[in-house]
Amino acid sequence: MKRVYADMVGDLFHLGHINMLKQAREYGDYLIVGIHSDKTVESYKRKPILSESERYEIVKNCKLVDEVITDAPLVITQDYIKENKIDVVVHGDDTAFTENYKVPIDMGIMQYIKYTEGISTSEIIKRIENREV
């Protein structure tokens, strides 16, 4: 069995997330999704709209996902890969955080998947802010 790992925030779970999970599944038989904690997300982005417990439940109940790891680290280490028996690490090709994936890149197990244009949590927030009452 080939174990695939993808990490995400998963805030305002949307079509872009679904597309990412579908593509990730193509790399193996078992999909593990690491969800970053609120504290981790706030350290590099913004405070999520949905709490980490809400995001964990949403992703855990997605039929594309076999396992959820809570409080996933931003930086993927060799110990983390071994501990979770990860064969392939995937991430969207929009990533600006290459240093977070240095270990899987160096191990030759990193794969990039196509980012869904036009949909993101930030885009949804803008849509809500620009909506006329």
N, C-alpha and C. Protein backbone atom coordinates (compact mmCIF):
# COMPACT_ATOMS: atom_id res chain seq x y z
N MET A 1 0.84 -1.18 0.00
CA MET A 1 0.00 0.00 0.00
C MET A 1 0.89 1.25 0.00
N LYS A 2 0.61 2.17 -0.90
CA LYS A 2 1.36 3.41 -1.00
C LYS A 2 0.61 4.51 -0.24
N ARG A 3 1.30 5.08 0.78
CA ARG A 3 0.72 6.10 1.65
C ARG A 3 1.12 7.50 1.19
N VAL A 4 0.10 8.31 0.91
CA VAL A 4 0.29 9.66 0.40
C VAL A 4 -0.04 10.65 1.51
N TYR A 5 0.78 11.69 1.63
CA TYR A 5 0.56 12.72 2.64
C TYR A 5 0.40 14.08 1.98
N ALA A 6 -0.61 14.81 2.42
CA ALA A 6 -0.81 16.20 2.01
C ALA A 6 -1.14 17.00 3.25
N ASP A 7 -0.62 18.20 3.34
CA ASP A 7 -0.99 19.05 4.48
C ASP A 7 -1.76 20.25 3.98
N MET A 8 -2.57 20.82 4.87
CA MET A 8 -3.41 21.93 4.47
C MET A 8 -3.96 22.65 5.69
N VAL A 9 -4.51 23.83 5.45
CA VAL A 9 -5.25 24.54 6.48
C VAL A 9 -6.69 24.02 6.45
N GLY A 10 -7.28 23.98 5.27
CA GLY A 10 -8.64 23.46 5.12
C GLY A 10 -9.72 24.43 5.58
N ASP A 11 -9.40 25.72 5.63
CA ASP A 11 -10.36 26.72 6.09
C ASP A 11 -11.41 26.96 5.01
N LEU A 12 -12.65 27.11 5.42
CA LEU A 12 -13.77 27.31 4.49
C LEU A 12 -13.69 26.28 3.36
N PHE A 13 -13.63 25.02 3.73
CA PHE A 13 -13.44 23.89 2.81
C PHE A 13 -14.23 24.11 1.52
N HIS A 14 -13.53 24.06 0.38
CA HIS A 14 -14.12 24.44 -0.90
C HIS A 14 -13.62 23.54 -2.04
N LEU A 15 -14.07 23.86 -3.25
CA LEU A 15 -13.75 23.06 -4.43
C LEU A 15 -12.25 22.91 -4.65
N GLY A 16 -11.47 23.92 -4.38
CA GLY A 16 -10.02 23.81 -4.52
C GLY A 16 -9.45 22.73 -3.62
N HIS A 17 -9.98 22.62 -2.40
CA HIS A 17 -9.54 21.56 -1.49
C HIS A 17 -9.91 20.18 -2.04
N ILE A 18 -11.12 20.06 -2.53
CA ILE A 18 -11.58 18.78 -3.11
C ILE A 18 -10.69 18.39 -4.28
N ASN A 19 -10.40 19.34 -5.17
CA ASN A 19 -9.54 19.04 -6.32
C ASN A 19 -8.15 18.60 -5.87
N MET A 20 -7.62 19.25 -4.84
CA MET A 20 -6.30 18.87 -4.32
C MET A 20 -6.33 17.45 -3.78
N LEU A 21 -7.35 17.11 -3.02
CA LEU A 21 -7.45 15.76 -2.45
C LEU A 21 -7.62 14.71 -3.53
N LYS A 22 -8.41 14.99 -4.56
CA LYS A 22 -8.58 14.05 -5.67
C LYS A 22 -7.24 13.78 -6.36
N GLN A 23 -6.48 14.85 -6.62
CA GLN A 23 -5.18 14.69 -7.28
C GLN A 23 -4.20 13.94 -6.38
N ALA A 24 -4.23 14.24 -5.09
CA ALA A 24 -3.32 13.57 -4.14
C ALA A 24 -3.58 12.07 -4.13
N ARG A 25 -4.83 11.66 -4.17
CA ARG A 25 -5.19 10.24 -4.16
C ARG A 25 -4.61 9.49 -5.35
N GLU A 26 -4.37 10.18 -6.43
CA GLU A 26 -3.82 9.54 -7.63
C GLU A 26 -2.39 9.04 -7.42
N TYR A 27 -1.73 9.49 -6.37
CA TYR A 27 -0.35 9.09 -6.12
C TYR A 27 -0.22 7.85 -5.24
N GLY A 28 -1.35 7.32 -4.76
CA GLY A 28 -1.26 6.14 -3.91
C GLY A 28 -2.61 5.58 -3.55
N ASP A 29 -2.59 4.72 -2.52
CA ASP A 29 -3.79 3.98 -2.11
C ASP A 29 -4.43 4.50 -0.83
N TYR A 30 -3.67 5.25 -0.04
CA TYR A 30 -4.12 5.66 1.29
C TYR A 30 -3.73 7.12 1.47
N LEU A 31 -4.72 8.00 1.71
CA LEU A 31 -4.45 9.43 1.81
C LEU A 31 -4.51 9.91 3.25
N ILE A 32 -3.38 10.44 3.69
CA ILE A 32 -3.25 11.04 5.01
C ILE A 32 -3.21 12.55 4.81
N VAL A 33 -4.05 13.28 5.56
CA VAL A 33 -4.06 14.73 5.45
C VAL A 33 -3.70 15.33 6.80
N GLY A 34 -2.65 16.12 6.79
CA GLY A 34 -2.24 16.84 7.99
C GLY A 34 -2.90 18.21 7.99
N ILE A 35 -3.59 18.53 9.08
CA ILE A 35 -4.25 19.83 9.21
C ILE A 35 -3.47 20.67 10.22
N HIS A 36 -3.11 21.87 9.81
CA HIS A 36 -2.35 22.77 10.68
C HIS A 36 -3.26 23.38 11.75
N SER A 37 -2.71 23.55 12.94
CA SER A 37 -3.47 24.16 14.05
C SER A 37 -3.70 25.65 13.78
N ASP A 38 -4.62 26.22 14.52
CA ASP A 38 -4.87 27.66 14.42
C ASP A 38 -3.59 28.44 14.70
N LYS A 39 -2.88 28.05 15.73
CA LYS A 39 -1.65 28.75 16.12
C LYS A 39 -0.62 28.70 14.99
N THR A 40 -0.46 27.54 14.38
CA THR A 40 0.49 27.39 13.26
C THR A 40 0.08 28.28 12.09
N VAL A 41 -1.20 28.27 11.75
CA VAL A 41 -1.67 29.05 10.61
C VAL A 41 -1.47 30.55 10.88
N GLU A 42 -1.80 30.99 12.08
CA GLU A 42 -1.63 32.40 12.43
C GLU A 42 -0.17 32.84 12.35
N SER A 43 0.76 31.89 12.51
CA SER A 43 2.18 32.24 12.49
C SER A 43 2.67 32.66 11.11
N TYR A 44 1.95 32.29 10.05
CA TYR A 44 2.41 32.64 8.70
C TYR A 44 1.34 33.22 7.80
N LYS A 45 0.08 33.21 8.26
CA LYS A 45 -1.01 33.62 7.38
C LYS A 45 -1.93 34.58 8.11
N ARG A 46 -3.08 34.11 8.46
CA ARG A 46 -4.08 34.84 9.22
C ARG A 46 -4.82 33.85 10.09
N LYS A 47 -5.59 34.34 11.02
CA LYS A 47 -6.37 33.45 11.87
C LYS A 47 -7.45 32.80 10.99
N PRO A 48 -7.56 31.48 11.03
CA PRO A 48 -8.61 30.82 10.22
C PRO A 48 -10.01 31.24 10.65
N ILE A 49 -10.93 31.20 9.70
CA ILE A 49 -12.33 31.50 9.99
C ILE A 49 -12.93 30.35 10.80
N LEU A 50 -12.68 29.11 10.36
CA LEU A 50 -13.15 27.93 11.08
C LEU A 50 -12.09 27.50 12.08
N SER A 51 -12.52 27.05 13.24
CA SER A 51 -11.56 26.60 14.26
C SER A 51 -10.87 25.32 13.81
N GLU A 52 -9.74 25.02 14.43
CA GLU A 52 -9.04 23.80 14.04
C GLU A 52 -9.90 22.57 14.28
N SER A 53 -10.68 22.53 15.34
CA SER A 53 -11.52 21.34 15.58
C SER A 53 -12.59 21.21 14.49
N GLU A 54 -13.13 22.32 14.02
CA GLU A 54 -14.10 22.27 12.91
C GLU A 54 -13.42 21.79 11.63
N ARG A 55 -12.22 22.29 11.37
CA ARG A 55 -11.49 21.90 10.16
C ARG A 55 -11.10 20.43 10.21
N TYR A 56 -10.70 19.94 11.39
CA TYR A 56 -10.36 18.52 11.54
C TYR A 56 -11.58 17.65 11.20
N GLU A 57 -12.73 18.01 11.73
CA GLU A 57 -13.95 17.22 11.51
C GLU A 57 -14.38 17.22 10.05
N ILE A 58 -14.32 18.39 9.42
CA ILE A 58 -14.72 18.49 8.01
C ILE A 58 -13.85 17.57 7.15
N VAL A 59 -12.55 17.68 7.30
CA VAL A 59 -11.64 16.89 6.46
C VAL A 59 -11.72 15.41 6.82
N LYS A 60 -11.83 15.10 8.11
CA LYS A 60 -11.95 13.70 8.54
C LYS A 60 -13.16 13.02 7.91
N ASN A 61 -14.22 13.79 7.67
CA ASN A 61 -15.44 13.22 7.13
C ASN A 61 -15.54 13.31 5.61
N CYS A 62 -14.48 13.73 4.96
CA CYS A 62 -14.42 13.74 3.50
C CYS A 62 -14.08 12.32 3.05
N LYS A 63 -14.87 11.76 2.14
CA LYS A 63 -14.67 10.37 1.71
C LYS A 63 -13.35 10.14 0.98
N LEU A 64 -12.70 11.20 0.52
CA LEU A 64 -11.42 11.07 -0.16
C LEU A 64 -10.26 10.82 0.80
N VAL A 65 -10.48 11.10 2.09
CA VAL A 65 -9.43 11.08 3.10
C VAL A 65 -9.53 9.82 3.95
N ASP A 66 -8.39 9.13 4.12
CA ASP A 66 -8.35 7.93 4.96
C ASP A 66 -7.96 8.22 6.40
N GLU A 67 -7.16 9.26 6.60
CA GLU A 67 -6.65 9.56 7.93
C GLU A 67 -6.33 11.05 8.03
N VAL A 68 -6.61 11.64 9.20
CA VAL A 68 -6.28 13.04 9.46
C VAL A 68 -5.27 13.09 10.59
N ILE A 69 -4.23 13.88 10.41
CA ILE A 69 -3.27 14.15 11.47
C ILE A 69 -3.53 15.57 11.95
N THR A 70 -3.84 15.71 13.22
CA THR A 70 -4.12 17.02 13.78
C THR A 70 -2.82 17.71 14.18
N ASP A 71 -2.86 19.03 14.20
CA ASP A 71 -1.70 19.86 14.55
C ASP A 71 -0.47 19.47 13.73
N ALA A 72 -0.66 19.36 12.43
CA ALA A 72 0.43 18.97 11.53
C ALA A 72 1.50 20.05 11.51
N PRO A 73 2.76 19.64 11.42
CA PRO A 73 3.85 20.62 11.38
C PRO A 73 3.94 21.30 10.02
N LEU A 74 4.47 22.52 10.01
CA LEU A 74 4.71 23.21 8.74
C LEU A 74 5.90 22.61 8.01
N VAL A 75 6.91 22.22 8.76
CA VAL A 75 8.13 21.67 8.17
C VAL A 75 8.09 20.15 8.28
N ILE A 76 8.18 19.49 7.15
CA ILE A 76 8.13 18.03 7.09
C ILE A 76 9.55 17.49 7.34
N THR A 77 9.71 16.72 8.40
CA THR A 77 11.02 16.17 8.74
C THR A 77 11.08 14.69 8.36
N GLN A 78 12.30 14.16 8.36
CA GLN A 78 12.47 12.74 8.07
C GLN A 78 11.82 11.89 9.16
N ASP A 79 11.91 12.33 10.42
CA ASP A 79 11.27 11.60 11.52
C ASP A 79 9.75 11.56 11.33
N TYR A 80 9.16 12.68 10.90
CA TYR A 80 7.72 12.74 10.67
C TYR A 80 7.31 11.79 9.56
N ILE A 81 8.10 11.75 8.51
CA ILE A 81 7.84 10.85 7.38
C ILE A 81 7.90 9.39 7.84
N LYS A 82 8.93 9.04 8.59
CA LYS A 82 9.07 7.66 9.09
C LYS A 82 7.97 7.30 10.07
N GLU A 83 7.70 8.20 11.01
CA GLU A 83 6.68 7.96 12.04
C GLU A 83 5.31 7.68 11.44
N ASN A 84 4.99 8.37 10.35
CA ASN A 84 3.68 8.22 9.71
C ASN A 84 3.70 7.33 8.48
N LYS A 85 4.84 6.67 8.25
CA LYS A 85 5.00 5.72 7.14
C LYS A 85 4.55 6.32 5.81
N ILE A 86 5.05 7.52 5.52
CA ILE A 86 4.67 8.27 4.32
C ILE A 86 5.58 7.87 3.16
N ASP A 87 4.96 7.54 2.02
CA ASP A 87 5.70 7.18 0.81
C ASP A 87 5.83 8.34 -0.16
N VAL A 88 4.82 9.21 -0.20
CA VAL A 88 4.79 10.34 -1.12
C VAL A 88 4.22 11.55 -0.38
N VAL A 89 4.83 12.71 -0.60
CA VAL A 89 4.31 13.97 -0.06
C VAL A 89 3.85 14.81 -1.24
N VAL A 90 2.64 15.34 -1.16
CA VAL A 90 2.12 16.18 -2.24
C VAL A 90 1.74 17.55 -1.70
N HIS A 91 1.84 18.53 -2.59
CA HIS A 91 1.41 19.88 -2.25
C HIS A 91 1.08 20.61 -3.54
N GLY A 92 0.24 21.62 -3.43
CA GLY A 92 -0.12 22.41 -4.59
C GLY A 92 1.08 23.10 -5.20
N ASP A 93 1.05 23.27 -6.52
CA ASP A 93 2.17 23.88 -7.22
C ASP A 93 2.25 25.39 -7.02
N ASP A 94 1.37 25.94 -6.19
CA ASP A 94 1.38 27.36 -5.88
C ASP A 94 2.27 27.69 -4.68
N THR A 95 2.89 26.69 -4.11
CA THR A 95 3.59 26.88 -2.85
C THR A 95 4.78 27.84 -2.95
N ALA A 96 4.86 28.69 -1.94
CA ALA A 96 6.01 29.59 -1.80
C ALA A 96 6.86 29.12 -0.63
N PHE A 97 6.51 27.99 -0.05
CA PHE A 97 7.17 27.49 1.16
C PHE A 97 8.02 26.26 0.87
N THR A 98 8.84 26.33 -0.15
CA THR A 98 9.66 25.20 -0.55
C THR A 98 10.53 24.69 0.59
N GLU A 99 11.01 25.59 1.45
CA GLU A 99 11.86 25.16 2.56
C GLU A 99 11.14 24.22 3.52
N ASN A 100 9.83 24.31 3.60
CA ASN A 100 9.05 23.42 4.46
C ASN A 100 9.07 21.98 3.96
N TYR A 101 9.38 21.79 2.68
CA TYR A 101 9.36 20.48 2.04
C TYR A 101 10.75 20.03 1.60
N LYS A 102 11.77 20.62 2.16
CA LYS A 102 13.15 20.32 1.77
C LYS A 102 13.46 18.83 1.92
N VAL A 103 13.05 18.23 3.04
CA VAL A 103 13.36 16.82 3.29
C VAL A 103 12.69 15.91 2.25
N PRO A 104 11.36 16.01 2.03
CA PRO A 104 10.78 15.14 1.00
C PRO A 104 11.33 15.43 -0.40
N ILE A 105 11.69 16.69 -0.68
CA ILE A 105 12.30 17.01 -1.97
C ILE A 105 13.63 16.27 -2.09
N ASP A 106 14.46 16.39 -1.05
CA ASP A 106 15.77 15.73 -1.06
C ASP A 106 15.66 14.21 -1.11
N MET A 107 14.59 13.67 -0.53
CA MET A 107 14.36 12.22 -0.53
C MET A 107 13.80 11.73 -1.87
N GLY A 108 13.37 12.67 -2.71
CA GLY A 108 12.80 12.30 -4.01
C GLY A 108 11.37 11.79 -3.92
N ILE A 109 10.65 12.17 -2.86
CA ILE A 109 9.27 11.69 -2.70
C ILE A 109 8.25 12.83 -2.78
N MET A 110 8.69 14.01 -3.20
CA MET A 110 7.80 15.18 -3.30
C MET A 110 7.15 15.24 -4.66
N GLN A 111 5.83 15.47 -4.68
CA GLN A 111 5.08 15.64 -5.93
C GLN A 111 4.23 16.90 -5.81
N TYR A 112 4.14 17.63 -6.89
CA TYR A 112 3.33 18.85 -6.91
C TYR A 112 2.07 18.60 -7.73
N ILE A 113 0.97 19.10 -7.21
CA ILE A 113 -0.31 18.95 -7.88
C ILE A 113 -0.83 20.32 -8.30
N LYS A 114 -1.66 20.33 -9.31
CA LYS A 114 -2.14 21.58 -9.91
C LYS A 114 -3.08 22.32 -8.96
N TYR A 115 -2.77 23.59 -8.78
CA TYR A 115 -3.59 24.50 -7.98
C TYR A 115 -4.84 24.85 -8.77
N THR A 116 -6.00 24.88 -8.12
CA THR A 116 -7.25 25.24 -8.77
C THR A 116 -7.36 26.76 -8.85
N GLU A 117 -7.29 27.28 -10.05
CA GLU A 117 -7.36 28.73 -10.26
C GLU A 117 -8.75 29.26 -9.92
N GLY A 118 -8.80 30.46 -9.37
CA GLY A 118 -10.06 31.16 -9.16
C GLY A 118 -10.80 30.82 -7.88
N ILE A 119 -10.28 29.87 -7.10
CA ILE A 119 -10.96 29.53 -5.85
C ILE A 119 -9.91 29.31 -4.77
N SER A 120 -10.11 30.02 -3.68
CA SER A 120 -9.25 29.88 -2.51
C SER A 120 -10.03 30.46 -1.33
N THR A 121 -9.58 30.18 -0.14
CA THR A 121 -10.24 30.75 1.03
C THR A 121 -10.17 32.28 0.98
N SER A 122 -9.03 32.81 0.59
CA SER A 122 -8.88 34.27 0.48
C SER A 122 -9.86 34.83 -0.55
N GLU A 123 -10.05 34.13 -1.66
CA GLU A 123 -10.99 34.56 -2.69
C GLU A 123 -12.43 34.53 -2.16
N ILE A 124 -12.77 33.50 -1.40
CA ILE A 124 -14.13 33.42 -0.82
C ILE A 124 -14.35 34.58 0.14
N ILE A 125 -13.36 34.88 0.95
CA ILE A 125 -13.48 36.01 1.90
C ILE A 125 -13.70 37.31 1.12
N LYS A 126 -12.95 37.51 0.02
CA LYS A 126 -13.15 38.71 -0.82
C LYS A 126 -14.56 38.75 -1.40
N ARG A 127 -15.05 37.60 -1.86
CA ARG A 127 -16.41 37.55 -2.41
C ARG A 127 -17.43 38.00 -1.37
N ILE A 128 -17.27 37.54 -0.14
CA ILE A 128 -18.20 37.90 0.94
C ILE A 128 -18.10 39.40 1.23
N GLU A 129 -16.87 39.91 1.32
CA GLU A 129 -16.66 41.33 1.62
C GLU A 129 -17.23 42.23 0.52
N ASN A 130 -17.16 41.79 -0.73
CA ASN A 130 -17.63 42.60 -1.85
C ASN A 130 -19.10 42.42 -2.18
N ARG A 131 -19.76 41.52 -1.50
CA ARG A 131 -21.17 41.25 -1.77
C ARG A 131 -22.03 42.44 -1.33
N GLU A 132 -22.91 42.85 -2.19
CA GLU A 132 -23.82 43.95 -1.85
C GLU A 132 -25.00 43.39 -1.09
N VAL A 133 -25.42 44.15 -0.10
CA VAL A 133 -26.54 43.72 0.75
C VAL A 133 -27.85 44.06 0.09
